[in-house]
Amino acid sequence: MANTRTEEFKFSGDKLIGKVKELLHEGNIRRLIIKNEEGNTLIDIPLTVGIFGTLVAPQLAALGAIAALVSKGTLVVEKDEEVSAE
């Protein structure tokens, strides 16, 4: 059984892609949301198991474009968290 947990990371534009790649390598990511300094959602990327190779590459390019336009913002990460059945 899995629960969903949300984490938020502040970023500067030049660090966004590196942070996203780091999080993807950790695994269990369900969704990435990029917000600007005012808290407005710029992009919401749902990620499902098995689609990383085909969908992540083009969406990383979109994140690169957003990073060039946004100097500071928030990266919201939704993760699956395994819950032990006790």
C-alpha atoms as a PDB file:
ATOM      1  CA  MET A   1       0.000   0.000   0.000  1.00  0.00           C
ATOM      2  CA  ALA A   2       1.347   3.472  -0.844  1.00  0.00           C
ATOM      3  CA  ASN A   3       0.675   6.926   0.542  1.00  0.00           C
ATOM      4  CA  THR A   4       1.481  10.147  -1.266  1.00  0.00           C
ATOM      5  CA  ARG A   5       3.771  12.708   0.318  1.00  0.00           C
ATOM      6  CA  THR A   6       4.535  16.218  -0.948  1.00  0.00           C
ATOM      7  CA  GLU A   7       7.873  18.016  -0.684  1.00  0.00           C
ATOM      8  CA  GLU A   8       8.680  21.573  -1.726  1.00  0.00           C
ATOM      9  CA  PHE A   9      12.074  22.881  -2.816  1.00  0.00           C
ATOM     10  CA  LYS A  10      12.990  26.503  -3.512  1.00  0.00           C
ATOM     11  CA  PHE A  11      15.116  26.921  -6.628  1.00  0.00           C
ATOM     12  CA  SER A  12      16.891  29.494  -8.711  1.00  0.00           C
ATOM     13  CA  GLY A  13      16.458  29.113 -12.478  1.00  0.00           C
ATOM     14  CA  ASP A  14      19.913  27.704 -13.145  1.00  0.00           C
ATOM     15  CA  LYS A  15      19.497  24.905 -10.565  1.00  0.00           C
ATOM     16  CA  LEU A  16      16.064  23.608 -11.627  1.00  0.00           C
ATOM     17  CA  ILE A  17      17.115  20.952 -14.167  1.00  0.00           C
ATOM     18  CA  GLY A  18      19.796  19.516 -11.875  1.00  0.00           C
ATOM     19  CA  LYS A  19      17.340  19.220  -8.987  1.00  0.00           C
ATOM     20  CA  VAL A  20      14.699  17.539 -11.184  1.00  0.00           C
ATOM     21  CA  LYS A  21      17.227  15.015 -12.503  1.00  0.00           C
ATOM     22  CA  GLU A  22      18.394  14.296  -8.941  1.00  0.00           C
ATOM     23  CA  LEU A  23      14.812  13.682  -7.798  1.00  0.00           C
ATOM     24  CA  LEU A  24      14.027  11.440 -10.775  1.00  0.00           C
ATOM     25  CA  HIS A  25      17.038   9.253  -9.943  1.00  0.00           C
ATOM     26  CA  GLU A  26      15.704   8.844  -6.393  1.00  0.00           C
ATOM     27  CA  GLY A  27      12.485   7.373  -7.820  1.00  0.00           C
ATOM     28  CA  ASN A  28       8.897   7.167  -6.532  1.00  0.00           C
ATOM     29  CA  ILE A  29       7.980  10.521  -8.130  1.00  0.00           C
ATOM     30  CA  ARG A  30       4.306  10.827  -9.111  1.00  0.00           C
ATOM     31  CA  ARG A  31       4.143  14.476 -10.118  1.00  0.00           C
ATOM     32  CA  LEU A  32       6.326  17.567 -10.508  1.00  0.00           C
ATOM     33  CA  ILE A  33       4.840  21.052 -10.208  1.00  0.00           C
ATOM     34  CA  ILE A  34       6.818  24.207 -10.963  1.00  0.00           C
ATOM     35  CA  LYS A  35       5.558  27.440  -9.401  1.00  0.00           C
ATOM     36  CA  ASN A  36       6.848  30.971  -9.819  1.00  0.00           C
ATOM     37  CA  GLU A  37       7.691  33.337  -6.937  1.00  0.00           C
ATOM     38  CA  GLU A  38       4.039  34.400  -6.644  1.00  0.00           C
ATOM     39  CA  GLY A  39       2.930  30.775  -6.234  1.00  0.00           C
ATOM     40  CA  ASN A  40       1.298  30.467  -9.661  1.00  0.00           C
ATOM     41  CA  THR A  41       1.664  27.039 -11.292  1.00  0.00           C
ATOM     42  CA  LEU A  42       3.749  27.212 -14.471  1.00  0.00           C
ATOM     43  CA  ILE A  43       3.828  23.512 -15.331  1.00  0.00           C
ATOM     44  CA  ASP A  44       2.349  20.367 -13.787  1.00  0.00           C
ATOM     45  CA  ILE A  45       3.951  17.121 -14.975  1.00  0.00           C
ATOM     46  CA  PRO A  46       2.320  13.845 -13.931  1.00  0.00           C
ATOM     47  CA  LEU A  47       4.808  10.967 -14.027  1.00  0.00           C
ATOM     48  CA  THR A  48       3.761   7.360 -14.139  1.00  0.00           C
ATOM     49  CA  VAL A  49       5.934   4.308 -13.784  1.00  0.00           C
ATOM     50  CA  GLY A  50       7.278   3.141 -17.130  1.00  0.00           C
ATOM     51  CA  ILE A  51       7.031   6.408 -19.059  1.00  0.00           C
ATOM     52  CA  PHE A  52      10.278   8.005 -17.935  1.00  0.00           C
ATOM     53  CA  GLY A  53      12.227   7.333 -21.127  1.00  0.00           C
ATOM     54  CA  THR A  54       9.633   8.624 -23.567  1.00  0.00           C
ATOM     55  CA  LEU A  55       8.114  11.545 -21.696  1.00  0.00           C
ATOM     56  CA  VAL A  56      10.787  12.914 -19.436  1.00  0.00           C
ATOM     57  CA  ALA A  57      13.262  13.995 -22.139  1.00  0.00           C
ATOM     58  CA  PRO A  58      10.876  16.418 -23.923  1.00  0.00           C
ATOM     59  CA  GLN A  59       9.537  17.676 -20.622  1.00  0.00           C
ATOM     60  CA  LEU A  60      13.074  18.328 -19.355  1.00  0.00           C
ATOM     61  CA  ALA A  61      13.488  20.559 -22.412  1.00  0.00           C
ATOM     62  CA  ALA A  62      10.324  22.431 -21.380  1.00  0.00           C
ATOM     63  CA  LEU A  63      11.730  22.745 -17.850  1.00  0.00           C
ATOM     64  CA  GLY A  64      14.898  24.220 -19.338  1.00  0.00           C
ATOM     65  CA  ALA A  65      12.836  26.904 -21.064  1.00  0.00           C
ATOM     66  CA  ILE A  66      10.974  27.651 -17.833  1.00  0.00           C
ATOM     67  CA  ALA A  67      14.246  27.794 -15.893  1.00  0.00           C
ATOM     68  CA  ALA A  68      15.510  30.406 -18.353  1.00  0.00           C
ATOM     69  CA  LEU A  69      12.433  32.563 -17.709  1.00  0.00           C
ATOM     70  CA  VAL A  70      12.028  32.123 -13.949  1.00  0.00           C
ATOM     71  CA  SER A  71      14.766  33.408 -11.682  1.00  0.00           C
ATOM     72  CA  LYS A  72      13.280  31.905  -8.499  1.00  0.00           C
ATOM     73  CA  GLY A  73      10.439  29.573  -7.733  1.00  0.00           C
ATOM     74  CA  THR A  74       9.233  26.451  -5.995  1.00  0.00           C
ATOM     75  CA  LEU A  75       9.446  22.853  -7.143  1.00  0.00           C
ATOM     76  CA  VAL A  76       6.645  20.746  -5.632  1.00  0.00           C
ATOM     77  CA  VAL A  77       7.254  17.000  -5.740  1.00  0.00           C
ATOM     78  CA  GLU A  78       4.601  14.365  -5.090  1.00  0.00           C
ATOM     79  CA  LYS A  79       6.146  11.040  -4.062  1.00  0.00           C
ATOM     80  CA  ASP A  80       4.793   7.585  -3.381  1.00  0.00           C
ATOM     81  CA  GLU A  81       5.713   6.420   0.076  1.00  0.00           C
ATOM     82  CA  GLU A  82       5.467   2.729   0.834  1.00  0.00           C
ATOM     83  CA  VAL A  83       3.502   1.901   3.957  1.00  0.00           C
ATOM     84  CA  SER A  84       4.194  -1.377   5.683  1.00  0.00           C
ATOM     85  CA  ALA A  85       1.183  -3.610   6.260  1.00  0.00           C
ATOM     86  CA  GLU A  86       1.424  -4.190   9.996  1.00  0.00           C
END
